[in-house]
Amino acid sequence: MAYEPPTPQVEFSMEIVNRPGLSTESLSLLRL
């Protein structure tokens, strides 16, 4: 995945965090 601005990434991560189960995987992918 190409590097994108932190603004959309943060919002996307926040939405995923609200969903249980996918939070860990999504966070790990975003932190890569």
Protein backbone atom coordinates (compact mmCIF):
# COMPACT_ATOMS: atom_id res chain seq x y z
CA MET A 1 0.00 0.00 0.00
CA ALA A 2 1.31 3.43 -0.90
CA TYR A 3 1.95 5.95 1.86
CA GLU A 4 -1.12 8.13 2.45
CA PRO A 5 -1.78 11.19 4.65
CA PRO A 6 -2.34 10.45 8.37
CA THR A 7 -5.75 12.14 8.45
CA PRO A 8 -7.71 9.49 6.48
CA GLN A 9 -5.65 6.70 8.02
CA VAL A 10 -6.53 7.83 11.55
CA GLU A 11 -10.23 8.04 10.76
CA PHE A 12 -10.17 4.60 9.14
CA SER A 13 -8.30 3.11 12.09
CA MET A 14 -10.76 4.68 14.53
CA GLU A 15 -13.70 3.11 12.68
CA ILE A 16 -11.97 -0.28 12.72
CA VAL A 17 -11.13 0.09 16.42
CA ASN A 18 -14.84 0.50 17.11
CA ARG A 19 -15.37 -2.93 15.49
CA PRO A 20 -14.13 -5.79 17.74
CA GLY A 21 -12.02 -8.57 16.22
CA LEU A 22 -10.74 -6.57 13.26
CA SER A 23 -9.16 -3.90 15.47
CA THR A 24 -5.97 -5.91 16.07
CA GLU A 25 -5.46 -6.91 12.44
CA SER A 26 -6.32 -3.46 11.09
CA LEU A 27 -4.04 -1.72 13.60
CA SER A 28 -1.15 -4.06 12.77
CA LEU A 29 -1.64 -3.37 9.04
CA LEU A 30 -1.83 0.40 9.58
CA ARG A 31 1.27 0.36 11.79
CA LEU A 32 3.33 -1.61 9.25
